[in-house]
Protein backbone atom coordinates (compact mmCIF):
# COMPACT_ATOMS: atom_id res chain seq x y z
CA MET A 1 22.63 -16.39 -13.80
CA PRO A 2 23.09 -14.07 -16.77
CA ILE A 3 20.26 -13.66 -19.24
CA ASP A 4 20.47 -16.35 -21.90
CA SER A 5 19.11 -14.40 -24.85
CA SER A 6 20.20 -16.74 -27.63
CA SER A 7 18.37 -19.89 -26.69
CA THR A 8 16.02 -21.25 -29.35
CA GLN A 9 13.76 -24.26 -29.70
CA ASN A 10 16.23 -25.94 -32.06
CA GLY A 11 19.18 -25.66 -29.64
CA ALA A 12 21.03 -22.82 -31.33
CA ALA A 13 24.16 -21.47 -29.64
CA ARG A 14 23.57 -19.75 -26.32
CA ASN A 15 25.21 -16.51 -25.19
CA LYS A 16 28.00 -17.15 -22.71
CA PRO A 17 29.90 -14.66 -20.54
CA THR A 18 33.63 -14.60 -21.01
CA ALA A 19 36.01 -14.29 -18.06
CA SER A 20 35.99 -10.58 -18.77
CA GLY A 21 32.24 -10.52 -18.36
CA PHE A 22 30.87 -9.48 -21.75
CA PHE A 23 28.41 -11.72 -23.52
CA LEU A 24 29.08 -13.36 -26.90
CA PRO A 25 27.85 -16.37 -28.81
CA LEU A 26 29.92 -19.52 -28.25
CA VAL A 27 32.56 -19.69 -30.99
CA GLY A 28 35.62 -21.71 -31.78
CA ILE A 29 39.00 -20.98 -30.27
CA ALA A 30 40.51 -19.91 -33.56
CA GLY A 31 37.71 -17.45 -34.20
CA LEU A 32 38.10 -15.78 -30.80
CA ALA A 33 41.88 -15.65 -31.10
CA ALA A 34 41.49 -13.81 -34.38
CA ALA A 35 39.08 -11.39 -32.72
CA ALA A 36 41.74 -10.57 -30.13
CA ILE A 37 43.94 -8.57 -32.47
CA TRP A 38 43.28 -4.87 -31.87
CA PHE A 39 45.43 -1.94 -32.97
CA GLY A 40 48.37 -4.29 -33.44
CA ALA A 41 48.31 -5.56 -29.86
CA ALA A 42 50.00 -8.87 -29.27
CA PRO A 43 47.51 -11.10 -27.41
CA SER A 44 48.52 -12.71 -24.14
CA ALA A 45 46.40 -15.55 -22.86
CA LEU A 46 44.30 -15.10 -19.72
CA PRO A 47 42.30 -17.75 -17.82
CA THR A 48 39.57 -19.32 -19.89
CA ALA A 49 35.82 -19.57 -19.35
CA GLN A 50 33.89 -22.53 -20.78
CA GLY A 51 36.98 -23.32 -22.81
CA ILE A 52 37.07 -19.91 -24.49
CA PRO A 53 40.47 -18.15 -24.29
CA VAL A 54 40.31 -14.50 -23.22
CA VAL A 55 43.11 -12.22 -24.32
CA SER A 56 44.72 -9.03 -23.03
CA LEU A 57 44.13 -6.24 -25.50
CA LEU A 58 45.99 -3.22 -24.14
CA PRO A 59 47.43 -1.62 -27.30
CA VAL A 60 51.17 -1.30 -27.52
CA SER A 61 50.77 2.24 -28.88
CA GLY A 62 49.22 3.60 -25.68
CA ASP A 63 46.44 3.22 -23.16
CA PRO A 64 43.05 4.36 -24.54
CA LEU A 65 41.62 4.42 -21.00
CA PRO A 66 44.32 6.09 -18.86
CA SER A 67 41.90 7.06 -16.05
CA TRP A 68 40.87 3.42 -15.60
CA ASN A 69 42.96 1.21 -13.34
CA ALA A 70 44.00 -2.18 -14.67
CA GLY A 71 41.54 -4.84 -13.60
CA PRO A 72 38.61 -7.01 -14.71
CA THR A 73 36.33 -4.09 -15.64
CA LYS A 74 38.84 -2.30 -17.84
CA GLN A 75 39.88 -5.58 -19.42
CA ALA A 76 36.26 -6.50 -20.13
CA ILE A 77 35.79 -3.22 -22.01
CA LEU A 78 38.86 -3.78 -24.15
CA ASP A 79 38.02 -7.42 -24.82
CA PHE A 80 34.46 -6.53 -25.81
CA ILE A 81 35.49 -3.82 -28.26
CA ALA A 82 38.10 -6.11 -29.82
CA ALA A 83 35.61 -8.94 -30.22
CA VAL A 84 32.90 -6.92 -31.94
CA THR A 85 35.16 -4.92 -34.27
CA ARG A 86 37.46 -7.61 -35.68
CA GLN A 87 36.56 -8.28 -39.31
CA GLY A 88 36.03 -11.95 -40.04
CA ALA A 89 35.47 -12.99 -36.43
CA LYS A 90 32.22 -14.72 -35.51
CA THR A 91 31.83 -12.10 -32.77
CA PHE A 92 32.00 -9.26 -35.30
CA VAL A 93 29.12 -6.78 -35.12
CA PRO A 94 28.39 -4.64 -38.21
CA VAL A 95 28.80 -0.91 -37.70
CA PRO A 96 25.08 -0.05 -37.87
CA GLU A 97 24.44 -2.37 -34.93
CA ARG A 98 27.19 -0.94 -32.72
CA VAL A 99 24.90 1.05 -30.49
CA ALA A 100 26.11 2.28 -27.08
CA VAL A 101 23.67 3.85 -24.63
CA PHE A 102 24.61 5.74 -21.45
CA ASP A 103 22.39 6.88 -18.62
CA HIS A 104 23.35 10.44 -17.66
CA ASP A 105 22.96 11.55 -14.03
CA GLY A 106 25.28 9.49 -11.87
CA THR A 107 26.74 7.64 -14.86
CA LEU A 108 28.42 10.45 -16.79
CA ILE A 109 28.24 13.26 -14.22
CA CYS A 110 28.01 13.81 -10.48
CA GLU A 111 24.28 13.62 -9.68
CA LYS A 112 24.38 15.29 -6.27
CA PRO A 113 22.56 17.53 -6.97
CA ILE A 114 20.69 16.60 -10.15
CA VAL A 115 21.81 19.22 -12.66
CA HIS A 116 18.40 19.50 -14.30
CA GLY A 117 16.95 20.22 -10.86
CA MET A 118 19.39 23.07 -10.35
CA PHE A 119 18.39 24.46 -13.75
CA LEU A 120 14.75 24.41 -12.63
CA LEU A 121 15.70 26.37 -9.51
CA ASP A 122 17.53 28.87 -11.68
CA ARG A 123 14.48 29.37 -13.90
CA ILE A 124 12.10 29.73 -10.93
CA ARG A 125 14.33 32.41 -9.41
CA ALA A 126 14.34 34.28 -12.71
CA MET A 127 10.56 33.95 -13.10
CA ALA A 128 9.92 35.10 -9.52
CA THR A 129 11.33 38.54 -10.34
CA GLU A 130 8.46 38.99 -12.78
CA ARG A 131 5.86 37.05 -10.77
CA PRO A 132 6.33 38.01 -7.08
CA GLU A 133 3.37 35.84 -6.06
CA MET A 134 5.59 32.77 -6.61
CA VAL A 135 7.44 33.67 -3.41
CA VAL A 136 4.43 32.57 -1.35
CA GLU A 137 3.08 29.84 -3.67
CA GLU A 138 3.97 26.23 -3.00
CA PRO A 139 6.01 24.42 -4.11
CA TYR A 140 7.81 27.49 -5.47
CA ALA A 141 8.18 29.10 -2.04
CA THR A 142 10.06 26.06 -0.78
CA LEU A 143 12.14 25.78 -3.93
CA LEU A 144 13.14 29.44 -3.68
CA THR A 145 14.69 28.70 -0.30
CA GLY A 146 16.89 26.18 -2.10
CA ASP A 147 15.12 23.14 -0.59
CA ILE A 148 14.89 21.08 -3.75
CA GLU A 149 14.77 17.95 -1.58
CA ALA A 150 11.35 19.00 -0.30
CA VAL A 151 10.01 18.55 -3.82
CA ARG A 152 12.17 15.56 -4.73
CA LYS A 153 10.64 13.60 -1.86
CA LEU A 154 7.40 13.52 -3.86
CA GLY A 155 9.12 11.45 -6.53
CA LYS A 156 10.88 11.82 -9.87
CA LYS A 157 7.64 11.88 -11.83
CA TYR A 158 6.30 14.78 -9.76
CA PHE A 159 9.58 16.67 -10.11
CA ILE A 160 9.78 16.32 -13.89
CA ASP A 161 6.10 17.13 -14.20
CA LEU A 162 6.69 20.25 -12.10
CA THR A 163 9.47 21.24 -14.48
CA PHE A 164 7.22 21.02 -17.51
CA SER A 165 4.28 22.78 -15.86
CA THR A 166 6.56 25.58 -14.64
CA LEU A 167 8.21 26.12 -18.01
CA ALA A 168 5.04 25.72 -20.08
CA GLY A 169 4.44 28.40 -22.70
CA ALA A 170 8.07 28.66 -23.74
CA SER A 171 9.18 27.45 -27.14
CA GLU A 172 11.69 24.64 -27.40
CA GLU A 173 14.25 27.10 -28.75
CA GLN A 174 13.67 29.58 -25.92
CA LEU A 175 14.07 26.90 -23.30
CA GLU A 176 17.24 25.51 -24.82
CA ASN A 177 18.67 29.05 -25.00
CA HIS A 178 18.04 29.35 -21.26
CA VAL A 179 19.86 26.06 -20.80
CA GLN A 180 22.85 27.37 -22.75
CA GLU A 181 23.03 30.40 -20.46
CA PHE A 182 22.82 28.16 -17.40
CA LEU A 183 25.61 25.90 -18.65
CA GLN A 184 27.88 28.91 -19.13
CA THR A 185 27.25 30.57 -15.77
CA ALA A 186 26.09 28.01 -13.17
CA ARG A 187 28.43 26.50 -10.63
CA HIS A 188 28.20 23.19 -8.81
CA PRO A 189 27.10 23.96 -5.23
CA ILE A 190 29.51 21.48 -3.62
CA PHE A 191 32.62 21.75 -5.80
CA GLY A 192 32.21 25.37 -6.88
CA VAL A 193 33.11 24.73 -10.53
CA PRO A 194 31.13 24.74 -13.80
CA TYR A 195 29.01 21.62 -14.17
CA ALA A 196 31.15 20.54 -17.12
CA ASP A 197 33.98 20.02 -14.64
CA VAL A 198 32.04 17.42 -12.65
CA THR A 199 31.54 15.11 -15.62
CA PHE A 200 33.48 11.86 -15.21
CA GLN A 201 36.80 11.77 -17.05
CA PRO A 202 36.91 7.94 -17.32
CA MET A 203 33.56 7.99 -19.10
CA HIS A 204 34.77 10.67 -21.52
CA GLU A 205 37.62 8.31 -22.41
CA LEU A 206 35.23 5.40 -22.83
CA ILE A 207 32.93 7.40 -25.10
CA GLU A 208 35.88 8.42 -27.28
CA LEU A 209 37.13 4.83 -27.44
CA LEU A 210 33.72 3.61 -28.56
CA ARG A 211 33.48 6.42 -31.11
CA SER A 212 36.86 5.54 -32.54
CA ASN A 213 35.55 2.03 -33.06
CA ARG A 214 32.50 3.35 -34.94
CA PHE A 215 29.90 2.95 -32.20
CA SER A 216 26.97 5.33 -32.28
CA ILE A 217 26.73 7.02 -28.86
CA TRP A 218 23.38 7.78 -27.23
CA ILE A 219 22.26 9.24 -23.93
CA CYS A 220 19.12 7.84 -22.30
CA SER A 221 18.23 10.04 -19.32
CA GLY A 222 15.34 10.65 -16.96
CA SER A 223 15.99 14.41 -17.06
CA GLY A 224 14.10 16.66 -19.46
CA VAL A 225 15.02 16.43 -23.11
CA HIS A 226 15.25 20.21 -23.60
CA PHE A 227 17.89 20.38 -20.90
CA MET A 228 19.75 17.28 -22.00
CA ARG A 229 20.14 18.23 -25.66
CA PRO A 230 22.31 21.33 -25.09
CA ALA A 231 24.11 19.67 -22.17
CA ALA A 232 24.99 16.52 -24.12
CA ALA A 233 26.31 18.56 -27.04
CA ALA A 234 28.38 20.84 -24.79
CA TRP A 235 29.82 18.19 -22.50
CA TYR A 236 30.16 15.05 -24.63
CA GLY A 237 29.81 16.12 -28.26
CA ILE A 238 26.59 14.11 -28.57
CA GLU A 239 24.17 15.60 -31.06
CA PRO A 240 20.54 16.41 -30.12
CA ASP A 241 19.13 13.60 -32.25
CA HIS A 242 21.10 11.11 -30.11
CA VAL A 243 19.50 12.24 -26.83
CA ILE A 244 16.60 10.25 -25.36
CA ALA A 245 15.01 11.85 -22.29
CA SER A 246 11.76 12.74 -20.52
CA ARG A 247 9.44 14.85 -22.63
CA ALA A 248 6.66 17.38 -22.18
CA LYS A 249 3.76 17.53 -24.57
CA THR A 250 4.21 20.24 -27.22
CA GLU A 251 1.95 22.12 -29.59
CA LEU A 252 2.66 23.78 -32.92
CA ARG A 253 1.72 27.47 -32.89
CA GLU A 254 2.04 30.44 -35.21
CA GLY A 255 4.73 32.88 -34.21
CA LYS A 256 2.19 35.69 -33.81
CA GLN A 257 0.75 33.90 -30.82
CA ASN A 258 4.11 34.00 -29.16
CA GLY A 259 5.00 37.57 -30.08
CA VAL A 260 7.30 36.64 -32.95
CA THR A 261 7.46 38.79 -36.06
CA ALA A 262 7.75 37.57 -39.63
CA LEU A 263 10.97 35.86 -40.64
CA PRO A 264 13.40 38.31 -42.32
CA HIS A 265 14.19 35.93 -45.19
CA SER A 266 10.51 35.10 -45.77
CA PRO A 267 8.22 38.06 -45.09
CA PHE A 268 5.17 36.09 -46.23
CA ASN A 269 5.61 33.41 -43.58
CA GLN A 270 5.23 33.71 -39.81
CA GLN A 271 7.56 31.63 -37.67
CA LEU A 272 6.06 28.35 -36.49
CA GLU A 273 7.20 27.14 -33.09
CA LEU A 274 6.82 24.11 -30.88
CA ILE A 275 5.49 25.33 -27.53
CA LEU A 276 5.78 23.35 -24.29
CA LEU A 277 2.49 22.41 -22.67
CA PRO A 278 2.10 21.87 -18.92
CA HIS A 279 1.77 18.11 -19.28
CA MET A 280 4.25 15.26 -19.37
CA GLU A 281 4.43 13.11 -22.48
CA PHE A 282 6.45 10.44 -20.66
CA LEU A 283 8.95 10.01 -17.84
CA ASN A 284 11.98 8.28 -19.29
CA ASP A 285 12.84 6.04 -16.37
CA ARG A 286 13.01 2.36 -15.45
CA GLU A 287 10.96 0.17 -17.83
CA ARG A 288 10.27 3.19 -20.04
CA LYS A 289 13.94 3.46 -21.02
CA PRO A 290 14.02 0.35 -23.25
CA VAL A 291 10.74 1.46 -24.81
CA SER A 292 12.16 4.90 -25.60
CA ILE A 293 15.36 3.41 -27.01
CA GLY A 294 13.40 1.07 -29.22
CA GLU A 295 11.17 3.87 -30.48
CA GLN A 296 13.99 6.33 -31.18
CA ILE A 297 16.89 4.13 -32.27
CA GLY A 298 15.10 1.10 -33.61
CA ARG A 299 17.94 -1.14 -32.45
CA ARG A 300 18.86 -2.90 -29.23
CA PRO A 301 22.13 -1.49 -27.81
CA ILE A 302 25.01 -3.92 -27.42
CA PHE A 303 26.60 -1.67 -24.81
CA ALA A 304 24.75 -0.01 -21.92
CA ALA A 305 25.96 1.85 -18.83
CA GLY A 306 23.95 2.95 -15.81
CA ASN A 307 24.54 3.62 -12.14
CA VAL A 308 23.57 2.68 -8.61
CA GLY A 309 21.24 5.25 -7.07
CA SER A 310 17.58 4.97 -8.02
CA GLU A 311 17.14 1.50 -9.58
CA GLY A 312 16.31 3.38 -12.80
CA ASP A 313 18.74 1.58 -15.13
CA ILE A 314 18.08 -2.08 -14.37
CA ALA A 315 15.57 -2.57 -17.17
CA MET A 316 17.81 -0.83 -19.72
CA LEU A 317 20.81 -3.00 -18.86
CA ARG A 318 18.77 -6.20 -18.89
CA TRP A 319 17.30 -5.33 -22.28
CA SER A 320 20.75 -4.63 -23.71
CA GLN A 321 22.01 -7.94 -22.36
CA SER A 322 19.15 -9.76 -24.09
CA SER A 323 20.78 -9.06 -27.45
CA ARG A 324 21.75 -11.98 -29.68
CA ARG A 325 24.94 -10.06 -30.38
CA PRO A 326 27.88 -9.87 -27.94
CA SER A 327 27.07 -7.24 -25.33
CA LEU A 328 28.54 -5.48 -22.31
CA GLN A 329 26.80 -3.79 -19.36
CA LEU A 330 28.43 -1.45 -16.82
CA LEU A 331 26.98 -0.27 -13.51
CA VAL A 332 28.73 2.67 -11.81
CA ASN A 333 28.83 2.37 -8.00
CA HIS A 334 29.35 5.61 -6.05
CA ASP A 335 31.68 4.44 -3.27
CA ASP A 336 34.22 7.28 -3.17
CA ALA A 337 33.18 9.81 -0.51
CA ARG A 338 36.52 11.60 -0.66
CA ARG A 339 36.73 12.37 -4.38
CA GLU A 340 33.02 12.34 -5.27
CA MET A 341 30.13 10.95 -3.17
CA ALA A 342 29.30 7.70 -1.41
CA TYR A 343 25.71 6.48 -1.55
CA GLY A 344 23.63 3.52 -2.59
CA GLU A 345 20.08 2.23 -2.66
CA PRO A 346 18.02 1.21 0.37
CA PHE A 347 17.62 -2.36 -0.87
CA ASN A 348 20.63 -2.58 -3.23
CA ALA A 349 18.41 -3.59 -6.14
CA SER A 350 20.88 -2.47 -8.82
CA LEU A 351 23.86 -4.23 -7.24
CA LYS A 352 21.80 -7.37 -6.71
CA ALA A 353 20.80 -7.28 -10.38
CA ALA A 354 24.44 -6.85 -11.39
CA GLU A 355 25.37 -9.93 -9.39
CA GLN A 356 22.44 -11.93 -10.74
CA TYR A 357 23.02 -11.07 -14.40
CA GLY A 358 26.80 -10.81 -14.46
CA TRP A 359 27.19 -7.09 -15.18
CA HIS A 360 30.44 -5.32 -14.46
CA VAL A 361 30.27 -2.98 -11.47
CA VAL A 362 32.53 0.05 -11.81
CA GLN A 363 33.81 0.76 -8.31
CA MET A 364 34.74 4.44 -8.48
CA ALA A 365 37.13 4.17 -5.53
CA THR A 366 39.24 1.41 -7.06
CA ASP A 367 38.48 1.25 -10.81
CA TRP A 368 39.16 4.93 -11.51
CA ASN A 369 42.50 6.54 -10.73
CA ARG A 370 40.85 9.91 -11.31
CA ILE A 371 37.20 10.85 -11.37
CA PHE A 372 37.22 14.35 -12.82
CA ALA A 373 39.57 15.84 -15.40
CA LYS A 374 41.25 17.77 -12.61
CA PRO A 375 41.22 17.26 -8.82
CA LEU A 376 38.34 19.09 -7.13
CA GLU A 377 37.86 20.17 -3.53
CA LYS A 378 34.47 20.20 -1.82
CA MET A 379 33.34 23.53 -0.42
CA ILE A 380 30.49 22.14 1.70
CA ALA A 381 29.20 18.80 2.88
CA ALA A 382 28.12 16.59 0.02
CA ALA A 383 24.57 15.58 0.87
CA PRO A 384 22.20 18.43 -0.07
CA GLN A 385 20.29 18.65 -3.35
CA THR A 386 20.54 22.41 -3.09
CA GLN A 387 22.82 25.41 -2.94
CA ALA A 388 21.29 26.74 0.22
CA VAL A 389 22.90 26.34 3.65
CA VAL A 390 20.47 26.96 6.47
CA ALA A 391 21.22 29.94 8.68
CA GLU A 392 19.60 30.87 11.96
CA PRO A 393 16.96 33.52 11.36
CA SER A 394 16.58 36.32 13.87
CA GLY A 395 13.04 37.14 12.79
CA PRO A 396 9.76 35.26 12.43
CA PRO A 397 9.41 32.05 10.42
CA PRO A 398 8.92 32.25 6.66
CA VAL A 399 5.52 33.41 5.50
CA ARG A 400 4.72 29.99 4.06
CA TRP A 401 4.12 28.64 7.58
CA GLU A 402 2.06 31.60 8.78
CA ALA A 403 -1.30 30.14 7.77
CA GLU A 404 -0.64 26.86 9.57
CA ILE A 405 0.58 28.57 12.74
CA ALA A 406 -2.37 30.98 12.67
CA ALA A 407 -4.71 27.99 12.34
CA TYR A 408 -3.32 26.48 15.55
CA GLU A 409 -3.77 29.82 17.31
CA ALA A 410 -7.41 29.97 16.16
CA ILE A 411 -8.06 26.43 17.42
CA ASP A 412 -6.53 27.32 20.78
CA ARG A 413 -8.76 30.39 21.06
CA ASP A 414 -11.93 28.52 20.19
CA HIS A 415 -11.09 25.32 22.07
CA PRO A 416 -8.43 26.02 24.73
CA PRO A 417 -6.34 22.87 25.30
CA GLU A 418 -6.01 21.28 28.71
CA LEU A 419 -2.86 22.61 30.37
CA GLY A 420 0.02 20.52 31.61
CA GLY A 421 0.03 17.84 28.92
CA VAL A 422 2.66 16.56 26.50
CA CYS A 423 3.19 18.57 23.32
CA PHE A 424 4.69 16.89 20.25
CA MET A 425 6.36 19.45 17.97
CA GLY A 426 8.06 18.93 14.62
CA SER A 427 7.50 18.82 10.90
CA SER A 428 5.19 16.61 8.86
CA ASN A 429 6.35 13.43 10.59
CA ILE A 430 4.50 14.80 13.66
CA ARG A 431 1.66 16.60 11.88
CA LEU A 432 0.71 13.38 10.04
CA TRP A 433 0.86 11.22 13.18
CA LYS A 434 -2.89 10.74 13.47
CA THR A 435 -2.75 8.08 16.21
CA LEU A 436 -0.74 10.11 18.72
CA ALA A 437 -3.43 10.15 21.39
CA ASP A 438 -4.00 6.39 21.09
CA ASP A 439 -0.27 5.66 21.06
CA PHE A 440 0.29 7.70 24.25
CA PRO A 441 -2.85 7.11 26.37
CA GLY A 442 -3.37 9.19 29.49
CA MET A 443 -0.72 11.79 28.58
CA ASN A 444 -2.99 14.61 27.32
CA ILE A 445 -1.26 14.79 23.95
CA VAL A 446 -1.21 18.02 21.89
CA ASN A 447 0.01 17.87 18.27
CA ARG A 448 1.87 20.94 17.03
CA GLY A 449 3.41 19.56 13.83
CA VAL A 450 4.05 22.05 11.01
CA GLY A 451 4.42 20.28 7.66
CA GLY A 452 7.75 20.98 5.97
CA ALA A 453 9.14 23.07 8.82
CA ARG A 454 12.76 22.97 9.84
CA LEU A 455 14.09 23.03 13.36
CA VAL A 456 15.62 26.43 12.67
CA GLU A 457 12.10 27.73 11.91
CA LEU A 458 10.37 25.96 14.79
CA ALA A 459 12.82 27.62 17.14
CA GLU A 460 11.34 31.00 16.19
CA SER A 461 7.69 29.94 16.05
CA ALA A 462 7.72 27.84 19.25
CA PRO A 463 6.46 30.63 21.59
CA ARG A 464 3.35 31.14 19.43
CA LEU A 465 2.70 27.41 19.03
CA LEU A 466 3.00 26.82 22.79
CA ALA A 467 1.36 29.96 24.18
CA ALA A 468 -1.98 28.34 24.98
CA VAL A 469 -0.66 24.86 25.69
CA GLU A 470 1.74 25.35 28.63
CA PRO A 471 2.83 21.71 28.53
CA THR A 472 4.67 19.79 31.22
CA LEU A 473 6.84 18.17 28.55
CA ILE A 474 7.69 19.00 24.94
CA LEU A 475 8.98 16.39 22.50
CA VAL A 476 10.70 17.88 19.45
CA SER A 477 11.04 15.80 16.29
CA ALA A 478 12.74 18.00 13.70
CA GLY A 479 16.03 18.46 11.90
CA THR A 480 15.44 16.14 8.94
CA ASN A 481 14.43 19.04 6.69
CA ASP A 482 17.39 21.11 7.93
CA ILE A 483 19.83 18.38 6.90
CA GLY A 484 18.00 17.94 3.60
CA ALA A 485 18.39 21.66 2.88
CA GLY A 486 22.13 21.65 3.52
CA ALA A 487 22.40 22.45 7.24
CA SER A 488 25.47 21.11 8.98
CA PRO A 489 25.20 19.05 12.18
CA GLU A 490 26.42 22.11 14.06
CA ASN A 491 23.61 24.17 12.47
CA VAL A 492 21.10 21.68 13.85
CA ARG A 493 22.65 21.86 17.31
CA ARG A 494 22.53 25.65 17.32
CA SER A 495 18.91 25.59 16.15
CA PHE A 496 17.99 23.33 19.06
CA GLU A 497 19.83 25.61 21.48
CA ARG A 498 17.81 28.51 20.08
CA PHE A 499 14.61 26.49 20.48
CA VAL A 500 15.42 25.83 24.15
CA GLN A 501 16.19 29.52 24.80
CA ASN A 502 12.92 30.69 23.25
CA VAL A 503 10.79 28.10 25.05
CA ARG A 504 12.34 28.68 28.46
CA ARG A 505 11.60 32.38 28.43
CA ASP A 506 7.93 31.53 29.01
CA LEU A 507 8.14 27.93 30.23
CA PRO A 508 11.25 27.65 32.42
CA ASP A 509 10.16 24.42 34.14
CA THR A 510 8.95 22.50 31.09
CA LYS A 511 10.95 19.42 30.18
CA ILE A 512 12.22 19.33 26.60
CA VAL A 513 13.01 16.08 24.79
CA PHE A 514 14.85 15.97 21.47
CA LEU A 515 13.79 12.92 19.46
CA ALA A 516 16.73 11.81 17.34
CA ILE A 517 16.44 12.44 13.60
CA SER A 518 15.19 9.15 12.21
CA PRO A 519 16.23 7.40 8.98
CA SER A 520 14.00 6.95 5.94
CA ILE A 521 14.22 5.18 2.61
CA LYS A 522 13.97 8.43 0.66
CA ARG A 523 16.80 10.16 2.51
CA TRP A 524 18.97 7.18 3.31
CA GLU A 525 21.94 8.83 1.61
CA GLN A 526 21.79 11.56 4.28
CA ARG A 527 22.05 9.02 7.09
CA GLU A 528 25.64 9.85 8.05
CA ARG A 529 24.93 13.56 8.41
CA GLN A 530 21.71 12.87 10.31
CA GLN A 531 23.63 10.76 12.80
CA ALA A 532 26.26 13.47 13.17
CA ALA A 533 23.49 16.00 13.91
CA ASN A 534 22.01 13.66 16.51
CA ALA A 535 25.41 13.33 18.17
CA ALA A 536 25.84 17.12 18.22
CA VAL A 537 22.45 17.65 19.88
CA GLN A 538 23.04 14.83 22.34
CA GLU A 539 26.36 16.43 23.32
CA PHE A 540 24.58 19.73 24.00
CA VAL A 541 21.87 18.02 26.06
CA ALA A 542 24.54 16.38 28.22
CA SER A 543 26.59 19.56 28.64
CA SER A 544 26.53 21.74 31.75
CA ASP A 545 25.59 24.71 29.53
CA ALA A 546 22.21 23.13 28.82
CA GLY A 547 21.11 23.02 32.44
CA PHE A 548 18.46 20.65 33.78
CA GLY A 549 15.29 19.50 32.06
CA LEU A 550 16.73 18.53 28.66
CA PHE A 551 16.65 14.95 27.42
CA PHE A 552 17.50 12.93 24.31
CA ILE A 553 15.62 9.86 23.01
CA ASP A 554 16.73 7.70 20.08
CA ALA A 555 13.92 5.69 18.47
CA ASN A 556 15.72 4.98 15.20
CA ALA A 557 15.56 1.24 15.74
CA ALA A 558 11.83 1.42 15.06
CA PHE A 559 12.46 2.08 11.37
CA LEU A 560 15.27 -0.42 10.74
CA GLY A 561 15.15 -4.10 9.95
CA PRO A 562 17.49 -6.85 11.17
CA ASP A 563 19.98 -5.88 8.45
CA ASP A 564 20.12 -2.28 9.76
CA GLN A 565 18.41 -1.09 6.57
CA PRO A 566 15.08 0.81 6.40
CA ALA A 567 12.08 -1.45 6.93
CA THR A 568 9.68 -0.93 4.01
CA GLU A 569 6.58 -1.58 6.08
CA CYS A 570 7.46 1.34 8.36
CA PHE A 571 6.97 3.95 5.64
CA VAL A 572 4.11 5.16 3.48
CA GLU A 573 4.33 5.23 -0.31
CA ASP A 574 6.51 8.35 -0.44
CA GLN A 575 9.23 6.37 1.42
CA LEU A 576 9.78 9.33 3.74
CA HIS A 577 6.94 9.56 6.25
CA PRO A 578 6.22 6.87 8.84
CA SER A 579 3.38 4.43 8.26
CA THR A 580 0.95 3.44 11.02
CA MET A 581 3.26 0.53 11.78
CA GLY A 582 6.29 2.81 11.85
CA ASN A 583 4.56 5.17 14.26
CA SER A 584 3.43 2.27 16.43
CA ARG A 585 6.96 0.92 16.63
CA ARG A 586 8.54 4.25 17.54
CA ALA A 587 5.75 4.90 20.07
CA ALA A 588 6.66 1.61 21.77
CA ILE A 589 10.19 2.95 22.27
CA ILE A 590 9.23 6.50 23.24
CA ARG A 591 6.26 5.83 25.57
CA PRO A 592 8.09 4.21 28.53
CA ARG A 593 10.75 6.94 28.45
CA LEU A 594 8.11 9.68 28.59
CA GLU A 595 6.31 7.88 31.39
CA GLU A 596 9.56 7.85 33.36
CA LEU A 597 10.15 11.55 32.68
CA LEU A 598 6.65 12.48 33.79
CA ARG A 599 7.21 10.67 37.11
CA THR A 600 10.49 12.46 37.89
CA GLY A 601 11.74 16.00 38.33
CA ASN A 602 14.05 17.93 36.03
CA GLU A 603 17.25 16.39 37.34
CA PRO A 604 19.24 14.41 34.76
CA ILE A 605 18.17 10.75 34.49
CA ALA A 606 19.44 7.90 32.41
CA ILE A 607 17.24 7.32 29.35
CA PRO A 608 18.25 4.10 27.55
């Protein structure tokens, strides 16, 4: 049921949703009919809700929302604006209280990748030219490869905090100047156009319609405020004082401390500047959004728009709906893979909230007849949070893995492993599997997981990692990081082929098993591309070109619940790596297959 924000102890009128879905106090029929007159439109009656007539308000002079298809969502917007702006109506809202708040990423602009994240990459690349040591420092080394997903997996708070700590020491003005340069030169990695071109045209029209009806327009974003201020002004005409976003702590300093000379118009006064400190003031997300709005605006918005993606807008929309004034809430659902992107949330929290509280869900595929101002074509697959597309290196793995590989070599020298066992290779999902030996008893397990590594890198480092092991069987669990960094399914297949070639030079009789890339909560939006990569590898394994001794095992069912969605209990807090239960469940699937392989030769066998 929708929030009933108007109930009082004395039985005052409650807020009721109209058939169009906005919320307004219960009023008489005559009052609502009067509220229906907008720009000279002649009202036509629609079905009623709780006895309240709802009217069609498309103006005869033209459509104010031409990119919106006719339907309940568009009609709700028009009905809401008519109701709150009609002088004399009981639903009338005074101009000072007409506050509209929009989330940004995913609501007003394509959020794959997050634009603020791409700005951070741009600044790190620029800083690395002056500080070469960043090339080998984590997380900068990973970011400089373009793998922004490797940092994003640690969570939004970590990512924003990284932004502030990286850019600390700059003045607010310096940072916003860098943003201006980025906005003028940067291109979207998937569509190949300026980021301004991937803002949503229907939302531009909605903002202008609200402005024309004397709403004050605000952005409430989880991105950094020093990025959002210039971006909001450039893309939507929203002034800096109407931007609410995540903030770093700042400190007032004399210009001399920052190398600034005296001001030309005031030679007796040095320039004072606000300097960013390497600490977060607050992350403007989830329950913090209503708090930030209340602190900065001092009013509850009667209109709020967010999107499906991170569950970050639920609190903001609920708080808006709790107004005693008529209100409207929109939730943008990304369901158009052809024109934009198609993704959701692992547990559909935002959509469930929309159903529970009666919000309007904007289905991009059907509610919008165009998404961008002009049609755009994708240059690459639409899953990565990065500009980088993984290529097959011909040389050694990146230097950032050298220390970990050298550590394995030192262990092998000091404590030579027993030969002929089973070697598990992969990235952190293998390295962090602490119960491997217990989960696979009697198999002489050797763990050669390299945290953060991609299959394309393991292919090159495999001979060093396996030199002292000489296993009977190798199980490879990698490819997730390749997909996350932008690799295509065919890239993953070629990387596995390269892995097989390199291993078989020294170990021609060793069996090699590819463990299918498994799903996770954190990377659920990449599921389709992960499955395509699995299919490509499985096709290679089954081909005559692969020869004997290659096998494919799919243990994905271990991480999925009865609804085919990720099972929360199978992941640790980062929602990416398997929990003890997750590892136990996948071991139960893998173990009997390995036992069968260890009993047979290298001829092809059926592995269910």
